[in-house]
Amino acid sequence: VQLVESGGTLVQPGGSLTLSCAASGFTVSDSVMRWYRQAPGKEREWVATGLNSGTTIYYADSVKDRFTCSTDNTKNTWYLQMNGLKPEDTGVYYCMRAGVPDYWGQGTQVTVSN
């Protein structure tokens, strides 16, 4: 099982960014997938959960109506579309496949700043 995040970069406040989580060794659409983030000096924070082949998605209140998760079954990839980015969205973003055990990617850095 492997998860590889990509797409993180420096973006200005109000901007948009899409993160990708390419999966191997399992099928994303059959799994419970999550995004987390960790800001400098803070604990890791849950961002979103997708299940039921991506038809059911839950978002943290801090990102609701700004972030959208999706799945590309042909690429076996889990995405996080982020709009209206704020400086407080800065952090390392991780995707995770929930299970026993949980599997985590290595993370991708998102920095929202002028």
N, C-alpha and C. Protein backbone atom coordinates (compact mmCIF):
# COMPACT_ATOMS: atom_id res chain seq x y z
N VAL A 1 0.85 -1.19 0.00
CA VAL A 1 0.00 0.00 0.00
C VAL A 1 0.89 1.24 0.00
N GLN A 2 0.57 2.16 -0.87
CA GLN A 2 1.34 3.40 -0.94
C GLN A 2 0.41 4.56 -1.29
N LEU A 3 0.66 5.69 -0.63
CA LEU A 3 -0.07 6.93 -0.90
C LEU A 3 0.96 8.01 -1.18
N VAL A 4 0.80 8.73 -2.29
CA VAL A 4 1.74 9.77 -2.65
C VAL A 4 0.97 11.06 -2.92
N GLU A 5 1.16 12.05 -2.05
CA GLU A 5 0.52 13.35 -2.24
C GLU A 5 1.36 14.22 -3.13
N SER A 6 0.69 15.11 -3.84
CA SER A 6 1.38 16.11 -4.65
C SER A 6 0.48 17.31 -4.85
N GLY A 7 1.06 18.38 -5.35
CA GLY A 7 0.28 19.57 -5.67
C GLY A 7 0.46 20.72 -4.71
N GLY A 8 1.11 20.50 -3.60
CA GLY A 8 1.31 21.58 -2.66
C GLY A 8 2.30 22.61 -3.20
N THR A 9 2.04 23.86 -2.87
CA THR A 9 2.91 24.95 -3.32
C THR A 9 2.57 26.21 -2.55
N LEU A 10 3.20 27.30 -2.92
CA LEU A 10 2.89 28.61 -2.36
C LEU A 10 1.77 29.24 -3.19
N VAL A 11 0.75 29.73 -2.51
CA VAL A 11 -0.38 30.34 -3.19
C VAL A 11 -0.82 31.57 -2.41
N GLN A 12 -1.32 32.56 -3.12
CA GLN A 12 -1.77 33.78 -2.45
C GLN A 12 -3.13 33.59 -1.79
N PRO A 13 -3.40 34.35 -0.76
CA PRO A 13 -4.74 34.29 -0.14
C PRO A 13 -5.83 34.51 -1.18
N GLY A 14 -6.89 33.73 -1.07
CA GLY A 14 -7.96 33.80 -2.04
C GLY A 14 -7.77 32.89 -3.22
N GLY A 15 -6.61 32.30 -3.36
CA GLY A 15 -6.31 31.45 -4.49
C GLY A 15 -6.86 30.04 -4.33
N SER A 16 -6.59 29.25 -5.35
CA SER A 16 -7.07 27.87 -5.39
C SER A 16 -5.92 26.91 -5.65
N LEU A 17 -6.12 25.69 -5.21
CA LEU A 17 -5.10 24.67 -5.36
C LEU A 17 -5.77 23.31 -5.30
N THR A 18 -5.26 22.36 -6.07
CA THR A 18 -5.76 21.00 -6.00
C THR A 18 -4.63 20.06 -5.60
N LEU A 19 -4.86 19.32 -4.54
CA LEU A 19 -3.91 18.32 -4.10
C LEU A 19 -4.35 16.95 -4.61
N SER A 20 -3.37 16.13 -4.93
CA SER A 20 -3.63 14.77 -5.40
C SER A 20 -3.04 13.78 -4.42
N CYS A 21 -3.71 12.65 -4.32
CA CYS A 21 -3.21 11.54 -3.50
C CYS A 21 -3.31 10.29 -4.37
N ALA A 22 -2.19 9.93 -4.96
CA ALA A 22 -2.15 8.75 -5.83
C ALA A 22 -1.95 7.50 -4.99
N ALA A 23 -2.84 6.55 -5.17
CA ALA A 23 -2.82 5.35 -4.34
C ALA A 23 -2.41 4.12 -5.15
N SER A 24 -1.75 3.21 -4.49
CA SER A 24 -1.41 1.92 -5.08
C SER A 24 -1.53 0.85 -4.02
N GLY A 25 -1.85 -0.35 -4.46
CA GLY A 25 -1.98 -1.45 -3.53
C GLY A 25 -3.38 -1.65 -2.97
N PHE A 26 -4.29 -0.76 -3.30
CA PHE A 26 -5.68 -0.88 -2.90
C PHE A 26 -6.50 0.03 -3.80
N THR A 27 -7.82 -0.08 -3.71
CA THR A 27 -8.72 0.71 -4.55
C THR A 27 -9.32 1.85 -3.75
N VAL A 28 -9.07 3.07 -4.18
CA VAL A 28 -9.54 4.24 -3.44
C VAL A 28 -11.05 4.22 -3.27
N SER A 29 -11.77 3.87 -4.32
CA SER A 29 -13.23 3.94 -4.27
C SER A 29 -13.83 2.91 -3.31
N ASP A 30 -13.06 1.90 -2.92
CA ASP A 30 -13.53 0.89 -1.98
C ASP A 30 -13.13 1.22 -0.54
N SER A 31 -12.49 2.35 -0.36
CA SER A 31 -11.86 2.65 0.92
C SER A 31 -12.43 3.91 1.56
N VAL A 32 -12.20 4.01 2.85
CA VAL A 32 -12.47 5.26 3.57
C VAL A 32 -11.19 6.08 3.50
N MET A 33 -11.30 7.23 2.87
CA MET A 33 -10.14 8.08 2.66
C MET A 33 -10.30 9.37 3.45
N ARG A 34 -9.19 9.89 3.95
CA ARG A 34 -9.24 11.13 4.71
C ARG A 34 -8.12 12.06 4.26
N TRP A 35 -8.34 13.35 4.44
CA TRP A 35 -7.30 14.37 4.37
C TRP A 35 -7.12 14.96 5.76
N TYR A 36 -5.87 15.15 6.11
CA TYR A 36 -5.50 15.84 7.34
C TYR A 36 -4.51 16.94 6.97
N ARG A 37 -4.31 17.85 7.89
CA ARG A 37 -3.27 18.86 7.70
C ARG A 37 -2.64 19.16 9.05
N GLN A 38 -1.42 19.65 8.98
CA GLN A 38 -0.70 20.01 10.19
C GLN A 38 0.02 21.33 9.98
N ALA A 39 -0.41 22.32 10.73
CA ALA A 39 0.24 23.62 10.67
C ALA A 39 1.46 23.62 11.58
N PRO A 40 2.41 24.50 11.31
CA PRO A 40 3.62 24.55 12.15
C PRO A 40 3.27 24.76 13.61
N GLY A 41 3.81 23.91 14.46
CA GLY A 41 3.61 24.04 15.89
C GLY A 41 2.25 23.59 16.39
N LYS A 42 1.46 23.00 15.52
CA LYS A 42 0.12 22.57 15.91
C LYS A 42 -0.06 21.06 15.66
N GLU A 43 -1.10 20.52 16.29
CA GLU A 43 -1.39 19.11 16.09
C GLU A 43 -2.03 18.89 14.72
N ARG A 44 -1.93 17.66 14.27
CA ARG A 44 -2.55 17.30 13.01
C ARG A 44 -4.06 17.46 13.13
N GLU A 45 -4.67 18.03 12.10
CA GLU A 45 -6.09 18.37 12.11
C GLU A 45 -6.81 17.64 10.99
N TRP A 46 -7.95 17.06 11.31
CA TRP A 46 -8.76 16.39 10.30
C TRP A 46 -9.38 17.44 9.37
N VAL A 47 -9.39 17.14 8.07
CA VAL A 47 -9.94 18.06 7.07
C VAL A 47 -11.20 17.49 6.42
N ALA A 48 -11.13 16.22 5.98
CA ALA A 48 -12.27 15.65 5.26
C ALA A 48 -12.18 14.13 5.26
N THR A 49 -13.34 13.51 5.10
CA THR A 49 -13.45 12.06 4.97
C THR A 49 -14.36 11.73 3.81
N GLY A 50 -13.94 10.79 3.00
CA GLY A 50 -14.77 10.31 1.91
C GLY A 50 -15.00 8.82 2.03
N LEU A 51 -16.24 8.38 1.79
CA LEU A 51 -16.56 6.96 1.83
C LEU A 51 -17.68 6.66 0.85
N ASN A 52 -18.03 5.38 0.77
CA ASN A 52 -19.09 4.96 -0.16
C ASN A 52 -18.76 5.40 -1.58
N SER A 53 -17.56 5.06 -2.01
CA SER A 53 -17.09 5.40 -3.36
C SER A 53 -17.12 6.90 -3.61
N GLY A 54 -16.89 7.66 -2.55
CA GLY A 54 -16.84 9.11 -2.68
C GLY A 54 -18.19 9.79 -2.73
N THR A 55 -19.26 9.04 -2.54
CA THR A 55 -20.59 9.65 -2.59
C THR A 55 -20.96 10.32 -1.28
N THR A 56 -20.26 9.97 -0.24
CA THR A 56 -20.49 10.58 1.06
C THR A 56 -19.19 11.22 1.52
N ILE A 57 -19.22 12.51 1.75
CA ILE A 57 -18.01 13.22 2.15
C ILE A 57 -18.35 14.15 3.30
N TYR A 58 -17.51 14.13 4.30
CA TYR A 58 -17.65 15.01 5.46
C TYR A 58 -16.47 15.98 5.48
N TYR A 59 -16.74 17.21 5.87
CA TYR A 59 -15.71 18.24 5.92
C TYR A 59 -15.66 18.87 7.29
N ALA A 60 -14.48 19.26 7.69
CA ALA A 60 -14.34 20.07 8.89
C ALA A 60 -15.01 21.42 8.66
N ASP A 61 -15.55 21.97 9.73
CA ASP A 61 -16.24 23.27 9.61
C ASP A 61 -15.32 24.34 9.04
N SER A 62 -14.04 24.24 9.35
CA SER A 62 -13.10 25.27 8.92
C SER A 62 -12.88 25.29 7.41
N VAL A 63 -13.25 24.22 6.72
CA VAL A 63 -13.02 24.15 5.27
C VAL A 63 -14.31 23.95 4.49
N LYS A 64 -15.40 23.73 5.18
CA LYS A 64 -16.67 23.47 4.51
C LYS A 64 -17.02 24.63 3.59
N ASP A 65 -17.53 24.32 2.43
CA ASP A 65 -17.92 25.29 1.40
C ASP A 65 -16.73 25.89 0.67
N ARG A 66 -15.51 25.52 1.05
CA ARG A 66 -14.32 25.98 0.33
C ARG A 66 -13.53 24.83 -0.29
N PHE A 67 -13.55 23.69 0.38
CA PHE A 67 -12.78 22.54 -0.08
C PHE A 67 -13.74 21.47 -0.60
N THR A 68 -13.29 20.74 -1.61
CA THR A 68 -14.10 19.67 -2.20
C THR A 68 -13.21 18.47 -2.48
N CYS A 69 -13.66 17.31 -2.05
CA CYS A 69 -12.95 16.06 -2.32
C CYS A 69 -13.58 15.35 -3.50
N SER A 70 -12.73 14.63 -4.23
CA SER A 70 -13.24 13.84 -5.34
C SER A 70 -12.29 12.68 -5.60
N THR A 71 -12.76 11.76 -6.43
CA THR A 71 -11.98 10.57 -6.77
C THR A 71 -11.98 10.37 -8.27
N ASP A 72 -10.81 10.04 -8.80
CA ASP A 72 -10.71 9.62 -10.20
C ASP A 72 -10.43 8.12 -10.18
N ASN A 73 -11.44 7.34 -10.46
CA ASN A 73 -11.28 5.88 -10.38
C ASN A 73 -10.31 5.35 -11.43
N THR A 74 -10.22 6.02 -12.56
CA THR A 74 -9.30 5.55 -13.61
C THR A 74 -7.84 5.73 -13.20
N LYS A 75 -7.60 6.71 -12.33
CA LYS A 75 -6.24 6.96 -11.86
C LYS A 75 -6.02 6.47 -10.43
N ASN A 76 -7.09 5.96 -9.82
CA ASN A 76 -7.02 5.53 -8.42
C ASN A 76 -6.43 6.63 -7.54
N THR A 77 -6.96 7.81 -7.71
CA THR A 77 -6.42 8.99 -7.04
C THR A 77 -7.53 9.74 -6.31
N TRP A 78 -7.20 10.25 -5.15
CA TRP A 78 -8.08 11.00 -4.25
C TRP A 78 -7.61 12.44 -4.31
N TYR A 79 -8.56 13.39 -4.47
CA TYR A 79 -8.19 14.78 -4.67
C TYR A 79 -8.77 15.67 -3.57
N LEU A 80 -8.12 16.79 -3.38
CA LEU A 80 -8.66 17.83 -2.51
C LEU A 80 -8.56 19.15 -3.27
N GLN A 81 -9.71 19.64 -3.71
CA GLN A 81 -9.79 20.94 -4.39
C GLN A 81 -10.00 22.00 -3.32
N MET A 82 -9.11 22.97 -3.27
CA MET A 82 -9.16 24.01 -2.24
C MET A 82 -9.36 25.36 -2.89
N ASN A 83 -10.42 26.04 -2.53
CA ASN A 83 -10.73 27.38 -3.04
C ASN A 83 -10.76 28.37 -1.88
N GLY A 84 -10.65 29.63 -2.22
CA GLY A 84 -10.71 30.66 -1.18
C GLY A 84 -9.70 30.45 -0.08
N LEU A 85 -8.48 30.12 -0.46
CA LEU A 85 -7.48 29.77 0.54
C LEU A 85 -7.14 30.94 1.46
N LYS A 86 -6.90 30.60 2.71
CA LYS A 86 -6.59 31.59 3.74
C LYS A 86 -5.22 31.26 4.34
N PRO A 87 -4.56 32.23 4.92
CA PRO A 87 -3.27 31.95 5.56
C PRO A 87 -3.35 30.82 6.58
N GLU A 88 -4.47 30.71 7.26
CA GLU A 88 -4.62 29.65 8.26
C GLU A 88 -4.78 28.26 7.65
N ASP A 89 -4.86 28.18 6.33
CA ASP A 89 -4.87 26.88 5.65
C ASP A 89 -3.45 26.35 5.43
N THR A 90 -2.47 27.15 5.75
CA THR A 90 -1.08 26.75 5.59
C THR A 90 -0.76 25.53 6.44
N GLY A 91 -0.03 24.59 5.85
CA GLY A 91 0.38 23.41 6.58
C GLY A 91 0.78 22.29 5.64
N VAL A 92 1.17 21.20 6.22
CA VAL A 92 1.45 19.99 5.45
C VAL A 92 0.16 19.18 5.38
N TYR A 93 -0.23 18.83 4.17
CA TYR A 93 -1.47 18.09 3.96
C TYR A 93 -1.14 16.63 3.70
N TYR A 94 -1.87 15.77 4.40
CA TYR A 94 -1.66 14.33 4.31
C TYR A 94 -2.95 13.64 3.87
N CYS A 95 -2.82 12.66 3.03
CA CYS A 95 -3.97 11.79 2.78
C CYS A 95 -3.76 10.50 3.55
N MET A 96 -4.86 9.84 3.85
CA MET A 96 -4.82 8.65 4.68
C MET A 96 -5.91 7.69 4.26
N ARG A 97 -5.54 6.43 4.24
CA ARG A 97 -6.53 5.39 4.04
C ARG A 97 -6.83 4.78 5.40
N ALA A 98 -8.07 4.89 5.82
CA ALA A 98 -8.44 4.37 7.14
C ALA A 98 -8.54 2.86 7.10
N GLY A 99 -8.03 2.23 8.13
CA GLY A 99 -8.10 0.78 8.21
C GLY A 99 -7.26 0.26 9.35
N VAL A 100 -7.01 -1.01 9.31
CA VAL A 100 -6.16 -1.63 10.32
C VAL A 100 -4.99 -2.29 9.60
N PRO A 101 -3.87 -1.64 9.48
CA PRO A 101 -3.59 -0.32 10.05
C PRO A 101 -4.03 0.82 9.12
N ASP A 102 -3.93 2.04 9.61
CA ASP A 102 -4.09 3.21 8.74
C ASP A 102 -2.83 3.34 7.88
N TYR A 103 -3.01 3.84 6.68
CA TYR A 103 -1.87 4.13 5.82
C TYR A 103 -1.85 5.63 5.52
N TRP A 104 -0.66 6.21 5.61
CA TRP A 104 -0.50 7.64 5.42
C TRP A 104 0.47 7.92 4.28
N GLY A 105 0.22 9.03 3.60
CA GLY A 105 1.20 9.52 2.65
C GLY A 105 2.27 10.33 3.36
N GLN A 106 3.21 10.83 2.58
CA GLN A 106 4.34 11.56 3.16
C GLN A 106 4.03 13.03 3.37
N GLY A 107 2.94 13.52 2.79
CA GLY A 107 2.54 14.90 2.96
C GLY A 107 3.02 15.81 1.85
N THR A 108 2.30 16.91 1.66
CA THR A 108 2.68 17.93 0.70
C THR A 108 2.43 19.29 1.32
N GLN A 109 3.38 20.20 1.17
CA GLN A 109 3.33 21.50 1.84
C GLN A 109 2.48 22.49 1.06
N VAL A 110 1.54 23.09 1.77
CA VAL A 110 0.74 24.19 1.22
C VAL A 110 1.03 25.44 2.04
N THR A 111 1.41 26.49 1.38
CA THR A 111 1.67 27.76 2.04
C THR A 111 0.81 28.82 1.40
N VAL A 112 0.00 29.47 2.23
CA VAL A 112 -0.88 30.53 1.75
C VAL A 112 -0.36 31.85 2.30
N SER A 113 0.19 32.65 1.42
CA SER A 113 0.85 33.88 1.87
C SER A 113 1.05 34.81 0.69
N ASN A 114 1.16 36.10 1.02
CA ASN A 114 1.52 37.08 0.01
C ASN A 114 3.03 37.11 -0.20
